[in-house]
N, C-alpha and C. Protein backbone atom coordinates (compact mmCIF):
# COMPACT_ATOMS: atom_id res chain seq x y z
N MET A 1 0.84 -1.18 0.00
CA MET A 1 0.00 0.00 0.00
C MET A 1 0.88 1.23 0.00
N ALA A 2 0.68 2.16 -0.90
CA ALA A 2 1.47 3.39 -0.99
C ALA A 2 0.90 4.42 -0.03
N LEU A 3 1.78 5.21 0.54
CA LEU A 3 1.36 6.29 1.43
C LEU A 3 1.10 7.54 0.61
N SER A 4 0.03 8.22 0.90
CA SER A 4 -0.19 9.50 0.22
C SER A 4 0.80 10.50 0.77
N SER A 5 1.04 11.57 0.06
CA SER A 5 2.03 12.56 0.51
C SER A 5 1.63 13.18 1.85
N SER A 6 0.32 13.36 2.07
CA SER A 6 -0.09 13.95 3.35
C SER A 6 0.12 12.98 4.50
N SER A 7 -0.15 11.67 4.26
CA SER A 7 0.04 10.72 5.36
C SER A 7 1.52 10.44 5.59
N SER A 8 2.34 10.48 4.52
CA SER A 8 3.77 10.24 4.73
C SER A 8 4.41 11.41 5.44
N SER A 9 3.99 12.64 5.16
CA SER A 9 4.60 13.77 5.85
C SER A 9 4.22 13.78 7.33
N SER A 10 2.99 13.36 7.65
CA SER A 10 2.62 13.31 9.07
C SER A 10 3.33 12.14 9.75
N PHE A 11 3.57 11.05 9.01
CA PHE A 11 4.31 9.92 9.58
C PHE A 11 5.71 10.37 9.99
N PHE A 12 6.40 11.06 9.10
CA PHE A 12 7.77 11.47 9.39
C PHE A 12 7.82 12.61 10.40
N SER A 13 6.84 13.47 10.44
CA SER A 13 6.87 14.56 11.41
C SER A 13 6.57 14.07 12.83
N ASP A 14 5.94 12.89 12.95
CA ASP A 14 5.66 12.35 14.27
C ASP A 14 6.85 11.62 14.87
N HIS A 15 7.87 11.34 14.09
CA HIS A 15 9.04 10.61 14.57
C HIS A 15 10.23 11.55 14.65
N ARG A 16 10.98 11.43 15.74
CA ARG A 16 12.16 12.27 15.93
C ARG A 16 13.26 11.85 14.97
N MET A 17 13.89 12.84 14.40
CA MET A 17 15.03 12.57 13.53
C MET A 17 16.26 12.41 14.41
N ILE A 18 16.89 11.27 14.33
CA ILE A 18 18.11 11.02 15.10
C ILE A 18 19.26 11.57 14.28
N PRO A 19 20.11 12.43 14.89
CA PRO A 19 21.22 13.01 14.13
C PRO A 19 22.19 11.92 13.64
N GLN A 20 22.76 12.17 12.48
CA GLN A 20 23.76 11.24 11.94
C GLN A 20 24.98 11.26 12.85
N LYS A 21 25.53 10.11 13.14
CA LYS A 21 26.65 9.99 14.07
C LYS A 21 27.97 10.25 13.35
N LYS A 22 28.69 11.25 13.83
CA LYS A 22 29.98 11.61 13.28
C LYS A 22 31.10 11.15 14.22
N TYR A 23 30.78 11.11 15.52
CA TYR A 23 31.77 10.73 16.54
C TYR A 23 31.22 9.56 17.36
N ASP A 24 32.13 8.72 17.81
CA ASP A 24 31.75 7.68 18.75
C ASP A 24 31.58 8.29 20.14
N ILE A 25 32.52 9.17 20.50
CA ILE A 25 32.54 9.72 21.86
C ILE A 25 32.74 11.23 21.82
N PHE A 26 32.00 11.92 22.67
CA PHE A 26 32.19 13.35 22.95
C PHE A 26 32.75 13.45 24.36
N LEU A 27 33.88 14.15 24.53
CA LEU A 27 34.47 14.35 25.85
C LEU A 27 34.11 15.72 26.38
N SER A 28 33.51 15.76 27.56
CA SER A 28 33.18 17.01 28.24
C SER A 28 34.05 17.10 29.49
N PHE A 29 34.80 18.18 29.62
CA PHE A 29 35.73 18.33 30.74
C PHE A 29 36.07 19.80 30.95
N ARG A 30 36.58 20.11 32.12
CA ARG A 30 37.07 21.46 32.42
C ARG A 30 38.54 21.48 32.05
N GLY A 31 38.88 22.22 31.01
CA GLY A 31 40.22 22.21 30.45
C GLY A 31 41.34 22.45 31.44
N GLU A 32 41.21 23.48 32.23
CA GLU A 32 42.32 23.81 33.13
C GLU A 32 42.54 22.75 34.21
N ASP A 33 41.55 21.93 34.49
CA ASP A 33 41.69 20.87 35.50
C ASP A 33 42.34 19.60 34.96
N THR A 34 41.91 19.16 33.79
CA THR A 34 42.30 17.81 33.35
C THR A 34 42.85 17.71 31.93
N ARG A 35 42.89 18.81 31.18
CA ARG A 35 43.28 18.73 29.75
C ARG A 35 44.64 18.05 29.57
N TYR A 36 45.63 18.41 30.37
CA TYR A 36 46.99 17.90 30.18
C TYR A 36 47.32 16.76 31.12
N SER A 37 46.31 16.16 31.69
CA SER A 37 46.53 15.01 32.57
C SER A 37 45.56 13.91 32.16
N PHE A 38 44.55 13.67 32.96
CA PHE A 38 43.63 12.57 32.73
C PHE A 38 43.00 12.60 31.34
N THR A 39 42.47 13.75 30.94
CA THR A 39 41.75 13.84 29.68
C THR A 39 42.65 13.55 28.49
N SER A 40 43.87 14.08 28.49
CA SER A 40 44.77 13.83 27.36
C SER A 40 45.14 12.35 27.26
N HIS A 41 45.31 11.70 28.41
CA HIS A 41 45.61 10.26 28.39
C HIS A 41 44.42 9.44 27.89
N LEU A 42 43.22 9.80 28.34
CA LEU A 42 42.01 9.11 27.89
C LEU A 42 41.82 9.31 26.39
N TYR A 43 41.97 10.54 25.92
CA TYR A 43 41.82 10.84 24.50
C TYR A 43 42.82 10.04 23.66
N ALA A 44 44.08 10.00 24.09
CA ALA A 44 45.11 9.26 23.36
C ALA A 44 44.77 7.77 23.31
N ALA A 45 44.30 7.22 24.42
CA ALA A 45 43.94 5.79 24.47
C ALA A 45 42.78 5.50 23.52
N LEU A 46 41.79 6.37 23.49
CA LEU A 46 40.65 6.18 22.58
C LEU A 46 41.10 6.25 21.12
N CYS A 47 41.96 7.20 20.82
CA CYS A 47 42.47 7.34 19.45
C CYS A 47 43.29 6.12 19.03
N ARG A 48 44.09 5.58 19.95
CA ARG A 48 44.87 4.37 19.63
C ARG A 48 43.97 3.20 19.25
N LYS A 49 42.76 3.17 19.83
CA LYS A 49 41.79 2.12 19.52
C LYS A 49 40.91 2.48 18.32
N HIS A 50 41.25 3.60 17.65
CA HIS A 50 40.52 4.07 16.46
C HIS A 50 39.07 4.41 16.78
N ILE A 51 38.85 4.95 17.96
CA ILE A 51 37.52 5.41 18.38
C ILE A 51 37.44 6.90 18.04
N ARG A 52 36.49 7.24 17.18
CA ARG A 52 36.34 8.64 16.77
C ARG A 52 35.85 9.46 17.96
N THR A 53 36.73 10.33 18.45
CA THR A 53 36.47 11.07 19.68
C THR A 53 36.56 12.56 19.43
N PHE A 54 35.53 13.29 19.86
CA PHE A 54 35.54 14.75 19.76
C PHE A 54 36.12 15.31 21.05
N ILE A 55 37.11 16.19 20.88
CA ILE A 55 37.66 16.95 22.00
C ILE A 55 37.71 18.40 21.54
N ASP A 56 37.43 19.30 22.43
CA ASP A 56 37.26 20.71 22.05
C ASP A 56 38.56 21.50 21.94
N ASP A 57 39.65 20.87 21.58
CA ASP A 57 40.94 21.55 21.58
C ASP A 57 41.11 22.61 20.50
N GLN A 58 40.17 22.69 19.55
CA GLN A 58 40.33 23.66 18.48
C GLN A 58 39.19 24.69 18.45
N LEU A 59 38.40 24.72 19.49
CA LEU A 59 37.30 25.68 19.52
C LEU A 59 37.72 26.97 20.21
N ILE A 60 37.19 28.06 19.73
CA ILE A 60 37.45 29.36 20.36
C ILE A 60 36.39 29.57 21.43
N ARG A 61 36.84 29.82 22.64
CA ARG A 61 35.92 30.00 23.76
C ARG A 61 35.31 31.40 23.73
N GLY A 62 34.05 31.45 24.09
CA GLY A 62 33.34 32.72 24.18
C GLY A 62 32.35 32.64 25.32
N ASP A 63 31.46 33.59 25.37
CA ASP A 63 30.46 33.60 26.43
C ASP A 63 29.42 32.52 26.22
N GLU A 64 29.05 32.27 24.99
CA GLU A 64 28.01 31.30 24.69
C GLU A 64 28.62 30.07 24.03
N ILE A 65 28.01 28.95 24.29
CA ILE A 65 28.45 27.69 23.68
C ILE A 65 28.17 27.76 22.18
N SER A 66 29.12 27.33 21.37
CA SER A 66 28.98 27.47 19.92
C SER A 66 28.08 26.40 19.33
N GLN A 67 27.51 26.72 18.19
CA GLN A 67 26.65 25.77 17.49
C GLN A 67 27.43 24.55 17.06
N SER A 68 28.69 24.75 16.68
CA SER A 68 29.50 23.60 16.25
C SER A 68 29.71 22.61 17.40
N LEU A 69 29.82 23.11 18.61
CA LEU A 69 29.96 22.23 19.77
C LEU A 69 28.65 21.50 20.05
N LEU A 70 27.53 22.20 19.95
CA LEU A 70 26.22 21.56 20.14
C LEU A 70 26.01 20.47 19.09
N ASN A 71 26.45 20.74 17.85
CA ASN A 71 26.33 19.74 16.78
C ASN A 71 27.21 18.53 17.07
N ALA A 72 28.39 18.76 17.61
CA ALA A 72 29.30 17.65 17.95
C ALA A 72 28.69 16.77 19.03
N ILE A 73 28.03 17.38 20.00
CA ILE A 73 27.37 16.60 21.06
C ILE A 73 26.26 15.75 20.43
N GLU A 74 25.43 16.38 19.62
CA GLU A 74 24.30 15.67 18.99
C GLU A 74 24.77 14.54 18.08
N SER A 75 25.91 14.71 17.45
CA SER A 75 26.36 13.70 16.48
C SER A 75 27.33 12.69 17.10
N SER A 76 27.26 12.54 18.42
CA SER A 76 28.08 11.55 19.12
C SER A 76 27.18 10.45 19.68
N SER A 77 27.68 9.23 19.68
CA SER A 77 26.92 8.11 20.23
C SER A 77 27.00 8.07 21.75
N ILE A 78 28.15 8.48 22.28
CA ILE A 78 28.41 8.42 23.73
C ILE A 78 29.00 9.75 24.17
N SER A 79 28.59 10.22 25.32
CA SER A 79 29.25 11.37 25.95
C SER A 79 29.89 10.90 27.24
N ILE A 80 31.15 11.27 27.41
CA ILE A 80 31.86 11.01 28.66
C ILE A 80 32.08 12.36 29.32
N ILE A 81 31.58 12.49 30.54
CA ILE A 81 31.73 13.74 31.29
C ILE A 81 32.74 13.51 32.39
N ILE A 82 33.80 14.30 32.39
CA ILE A 82 34.84 14.20 33.40
C ILE A 82 34.59 15.31 34.41
N PHE A 83 33.94 14.94 35.51
CA PHE A 83 33.67 15.91 36.57
C PHE A 83 34.93 16.08 37.41
N SER A 84 35.40 17.30 37.50
CA SER A 84 36.55 17.64 38.33
C SER A 84 36.12 18.74 39.30
N LYS A 85 37.01 19.13 40.19
CA LYS A 85 36.65 20.12 41.21
C LYS A 85 36.15 21.43 40.62
N ALA A 86 36.74 21.86 39.51
CA ALA A 86 36.37 23.15 38.92
C ALA A 86 35.38 23.03 37.76
N TYR A 87 34.90 21.83 37.46
CA TYR A 87 33.96 21.65 36.35
C TYR A 87 32.77 22.60 36.49
N ALA A 88 32.25 22.71 37.70
CA ALA A 88 31.04 23.52 37.93
C ALA A 88 31.33 25.01 37.97
N SER A 89 32.58 25.42 37.78
CA SER A 89 32.87 26.85 37.73
C SER A 89 32.73 27.40 36.31
N SER A 90 32.44 26.51 35.37
CA SER A 90 32.34 26.89 33.97
C SER A 90 30.91 26.80 33.45
N GLY A 91 30.34 27.93 33.11
CA GLY A 91 29.02 27.94 32.49
C GLY A 91 29.05 27.18 31.16
N TRP A 92 30.17 27.27 30.45
CA TRP A 92 30.34 26.56 29.18
C TRP A 92 30.18 25.06 29.41
N CYS A 93 30.90 24.51 30.42
CA CYS A 93 30.81 23.08 30.72
C CYS A 93 29.38 22.69 31.09
N LEU A 94 28.74 23.52 31.88
CA LEU A 94 27.38 23.19 32.33
C LEU A 94 26.38 23.29 31.19
N ASP A 95 26.60 24.21 30.25
CA ASP A 95 25.75 24.26 29.06
C ASP A 95 25.95 23.00 28.21
N GLU A 96 27.21 22.53 28.10
CA GLU A 96 27.46 21.26 27.42
C GLU A 96 26.69 20.14 28.10
N LEU A 97 26.75 20.12 29.42
CA LEU A 97 26.09 19.08 30.21
C LEU A 97 24.59 19.07 29.96
N VAL A 98 23.97 20.23 29.92
CA VAL A 98 22.53 20.32 29.66
C VAL A 98 22.22 19.74 28.28
N LYS A 99 23.04 20.05 27.28
CA LYS A 99 22.83 19.53 25.93
C LYS A 99 23.02 18.01 25.91
N ILE A 100 24.01 17.51 26.65
CA ILE A 100 24.26 16.07 26.72
C ILE A 100 23.04 15.36 27.32
N VAL A 101 22.49 15.91 28.39
CA VAL A 101 21.31 15.31 29.03
C VAL A 101 20.12 15.35 28.06
N GLU A 102 19.99 16.44 27.33
CA GLU A 102 18.92 16.53 26.32
C GLU A 102 19.08 15.42 25.28
N CYS A 103 20.30 15.18 24.81
CA CYS A 103 20.54 14.13 23.80
C CYS A 103 20.32 12.74 24.40
N LYS A 104 20.64 12.57 25.66
CA LYS A 104 20.39 11.30 26.35
C LYS A 104 18.89 11.02 26.37
N ASN A 105 18.12 12.02 26.74
CA ASN A 105 16.68 11.84 26.87
C ASN A 105 15.95 11.80 25.53
N LYS A 106 16.45 12.54 24.56
CA LYS A 106 15.76 12.65 23.26
C LYS A 106 16.17 11.56 22.28
N TYR A 107 17.48 11.22 22.26
CA TYR A 107 17.99 10.28 21.25
C TYR A 107 18.54 8.99 21.85
N GLY A 108 18.55 8.88 23.17
CA GLY A 108 19.09 7.68 23.80
C GLY A 108 20.61 7.65 23.84
N GLN A 109 21.24 8.81 23.75
CA GLN A 109 22.70 8.86 23.81
C GLN A 109 23.18 8.25 25.13
N ILE A 110 24.25 7.47 25.08
CA ILE A 110 24.84 6.89 26.28
C ILE A 110 25.68 7.95 26.97
N VAL A 111 25.53 8.08 28.28
CA VAL A 111 26.27 9.07 29.06
C VAL A 111 27.02 8.35 30.16
N ILE A 112 28.33 8.61 30.21
CA ILE A 112 29.19 7.97 31.21
C ILE A 112 29.88 9.07 32.02
N PRO A 113 29.54 9.19 33.29
CA PRO A 113 30.25 10.16 34.13
C PRO A 113 31.53 9.56 34.72
N ILE A 114 32.56 10.38 34.78
CA ILE A 114 33.80 10.04 35.48
C ILE A 114 33.98 11.10 36.56
N PHE A 115 34.09 10.66 37.79
CA PHE A 115 34.24 11.57 38.92
C PHE A 115 35.73 11.62 39.26
N TYR A 116 36.41 12.65 38.73
CA TYR A 116 37.85 12.77 38.85
C TYR A 116 38.20 13.61 40.08
N HIS A 117 38.57 12.94 41.13
CA HIS A 117 38.91 13.58 42.42
C HIS A 117 37.76 14.39 43.01
N VAL A 118 36.53 13.99 42.67
CA VAL A 118 35.34 14.56 43.32
C VAL A 118 34.42 13.41 43.69
N ASN A 119 33.66 13.60 44.72
CA ASN A 119 32.71 12.60 45.19
C ASN A 119 31.42 12.75 44.37
N PRO A 120 30.87 11.65 43.85
CA PRO A 120 29.61 11.74 43.09
C PRO A 120 28.49 12.45 43.86
N SER A 121 28.42 12.28 45.17
CA SER A 121 27.35 12.95 45.92
C SER A 121 27.59 14.46 45.97
N ASN A 122 28.84 14.90 45.88
CA ASN A 122 29.11 16.35 45.82
C ASN A 122 28.63 16.94 44.50
N VAL A 123 28.75 16.16 43.44
CA VAL A 123 28.23 16.61 42.14
C VAL A 123 26.70 16.62 42.19
N ARG A 124 26.13 15.54 42.69
CA ARG A 124 24.67 15.41 42.76
C ARG A 124 24.04 16.55 43.57
N ASN A 125 24.66 16.90 44.69
CA ASN A 125 24.07 17.89 45.61
C ASN A 125 24.73 19.26 45.55
N GLN A 126 25.71 19.41 44.66
CA GLN A 126 26.45 20.66 44.52
C GLN A 126 26.97 21.14 45.88
N ASN A 127 27.74 20.27 46.55
CA ASN A 127 28.37 20.67 47.81
C ASN A 127 29.83 20.23 47.80
N GLY A 128 30.54 20.43 48.90
CA GLY A 128 31.97 20.13 48.96
C GLY A 128 32.74 21.06 48.04
N ASP A 129 33.93 20.63 47.62
CA ASP A 129 34.74 21.45 46.70
C ASP A 129 33.99 21.73 45.41
N PHE A 130 33.29 20.73 44.91
CA PHE A 130 32.51 20.90 43.68
C PHE A 130 31.44 21.98 43.89
N GLY A 131 30.77 21.94 45.03
CA GLY A 131 29.73 22.92 45.35
C GLY A 131 30.29 24.32 45.50
N ASN A 132 31.52 24.43 46.01
CA ASN A 132 32.15 25.76 46.13
C ASN A 132 32.34 26.38 44.76
N SER A 133 32.76 25.58 43.78
CA SER A 133 32.90 26.09 42.41
C SER A 133 31.56 26.51 41.85
N PHE A 134 30.54 25.70 42.11
CA PHE A 134 29.20 26.02 41.61
C PHE A 134 28.67 27.30 42.25
N SER A 135 28.95 27.50 43.54
CA SER A 135 28.47 28.70 44.26
C SER A 135 29.02 29.97 43.62
N LYS A 136 30.28 29.94 43.21
CA LYS A 136 30.88 31.12 42.55
C LYS A 136 30.17 31.41 41.24
N LEU A 137 29.83 30.35 40.51
CA LEU A 137 29.11 30.52 39.25
C LEU A 137 27.69 31.03 39.51
N GLU A 138 27.07 30.52 40.56
CA GLU A 138 25.72 30.97 40.93
C GLU A 138 25.69 32.47 41.15
N GLU A 139 26.73 32.99 41.76
CA GLU A 139 26.80 34.43 42.03
C GLU A 139 26.82 35.21 40.71
N ARG A 140 27.57 34.72 39.74
CA ARG A 140 27.64 35.40 38.44
C ARG A 140 26.32 35.32 37.68
N PHE A 141 25.54 34.25 37.90
CA PHE A 141 24.31 34.02 37.15
C PHE A 141 23.06 34.19 38.01
N LYS A 142 23.16 34.91 39.10
CA LYS A 142 22.04 35.02 40.05
C LYS A 142 20.77 35.58 39.43
N ASP A 143 20.90 36.32 38.33
CA ASP A 143 19.73 36.88 37.66
C ASP A 143 19.16 35.95 36.59
N ARG A 144 19.77 34.78 36.44
CA ARG A 144 19.32 33.82 35.42
C ARG A 144 18.95 32.51 36.10
N LEU A 145 17.90 32.59 36.90
CA LEU A 145 17.48 31.46 37.73
C LEU A 145 17.11 30.22 36.92
N GLU A 146 16.50 30.42 35.76
CA GLU A 146 16.10 29.29 34.93
C GLU A 146 17.32 28.50 34.46
N LYS A 147 18.36 29.22 34.05
CA LYS A 147 19.61 28.58 33.62
C LYS A 147 20.24 27.82 34.79
N LEU A 148 20.30 28.43 35.96
CA LEU A 148 20.85 27.77 37.15
C LEU A 148 20.07 26.49 37.47
N GLN A 149 18.77 26.55 37.35
CA GLN A 149 17.94 25.38 37.63
C GLN A 149 18.21 24.26 36.63
N ARG A 150 18.36 24.61 35.34
CA ARG A 150 18.68 23.59 34.32
C ARG A 150 20.02 22.93 34.62
N TRP A 151 20.99 23.73 35.07
CA TRP A 151 22.30 23.19 35.43
C TRP A 151 22.19 22.22 36.61
N ARG A 152 21.45 22.63 37.64
CA ARG A 152 21.29 21.77 38.84
C ARG A 152 20.64 20.44 38.47
N ILE A 153 19.59 20.50 37.66
CA ILE A 153 18.88 19.29 37.25
C ILE A 153 19.80 18.37 36.46
N ALA A 154 20.56 18.93 35.52
CA ALA A 154 21.48 18.13 34.71
C ALA A 154 22.57 17.51 35.58
N LEU A 155 23.12 18.26 36.51
CA LEU A 155 24.14 17.72 37.41
C LEU A 155 23.58 16.55 38.22
N ARG A 156 22.39 16.72 38.74
CA ARG A 156 21.77 15.67 39.55
C ARG A 156 21.50 14.42 38.70
N GLU A 157 20.96 14.63 37.50
CA GLU A 157 20.62 13.49 36.65
C GLU A 157 21.87 12.68 36.27
N VAL A 158 22.93 13.35 35.87
CA VAL A 158 24.13 12.64 35.44
C VAL A 158 24.86 12.02 36.64
N ALA A 159 24.86 12.70 37.78
CA ALA A 159 25.53 12.15 38.97
C ALA A 159 24.81 10.91 39.49
N ASN A 160 23.56 10.72 39.10
CA ASN A 160 22.81 9.52 39.50
C ASN A 160 23.07 8.33 38.57
N LEU A 161 23.79 8.56 37.47
CA LEU A 161 24.11 7.47 36.56
C LEU A 161 25.30 6.67 37.08
N THR A 162 25.37 5.42 36.69
CA THR A 162 26.54 4.62 37.03
C THR A 162 27.72 5.14 36.23
N GLY A 163 28.81 5.39 36.94
CA GLY A 163 30.00 5.91 36.29
C GLY A 163 31.24 5.38 36.94
N PHE A 164 32.31 6.13 36.84
CA PHE A 164 33.59 5.74 37.40
C PHE A 164 34.05 6.80 38.39
N ASP A 165 34.48 6.35 39.55
CA ASP A 165 34.94 7.24 40.62
C ASP A 165 36.44 7.02 40.81
N SER A 166 37.24 8.08 40.61
CA SER A 166 38.70 7.95 40.70
C SER A 166 39.17 7.60 42.11
N HIS A 167 38.32 7.81 43.12
CA HIS A 167 38.69 7.44 44.48
C HIS A 167 38.64 5.92 44.66
N ILE A 168 37.86 5.26 43.82
CA ILE A 168 37.68 3.80 43.93
C ILE A 168 38.50 3.06 42.88
N MET A 169 38.52 3.59 41.65
CA MET A 169 39.20 2.93 40.54
C MET A 169 40.43 3.73 40.16
N ARG A 170 41.45 3.04 39.74
CA ARG A 170 42.66 3.70 39.25
C ARG A 170 42.83 3.39 37.78
C-alpha cells in the first residue's frame, strides 16, 4: 500500500530525527583541571583504539556555547563527562552538560560520568569542593534562575548514573 504525501509527511513529522553519528565519543571536561593530565591520556587511548572522539581543543571560547559544539554533542553516540573540582565553575561546561542530558533523553545517547577527584554525591548535591565552584558561578548568574535550575537538574541526573569514581578505581 502506498502512502499518500499527506500521510507520509505526518508519519515522518511524528518521529524524531536522530542526528547522523559523526563521533563515537564526545568528551566534556574542564580544560584547566584535566586537559593535560587525565583527559589527554584518555583521549590518546581512545584514538589508539581508532575510536572517533571529539575533544574541544580547536574551539574558540566565548560567552556562549557554539553551534559547532552543540552539533558535535548531537552527532556523538556516547558522551563522557569528566567531573573535576572546577567543572562547575564553567558555564560553558554546564551548558554542554545540559545539551548532553537533552541528547540522552531525546535520542538515547549513552552518558558515562567520570568523577575525577570529586565525590559523586558532591556533584549530585552541589556541595563540597565541587559545590564551592558552583556557588561562585551561581553568584555570576544570580539573575538567570532558569539557567541555574537547568544546570542543577542536569548535574543531579548525570551524577545519578553509574559511572567511574577515581577514588575507587585507578
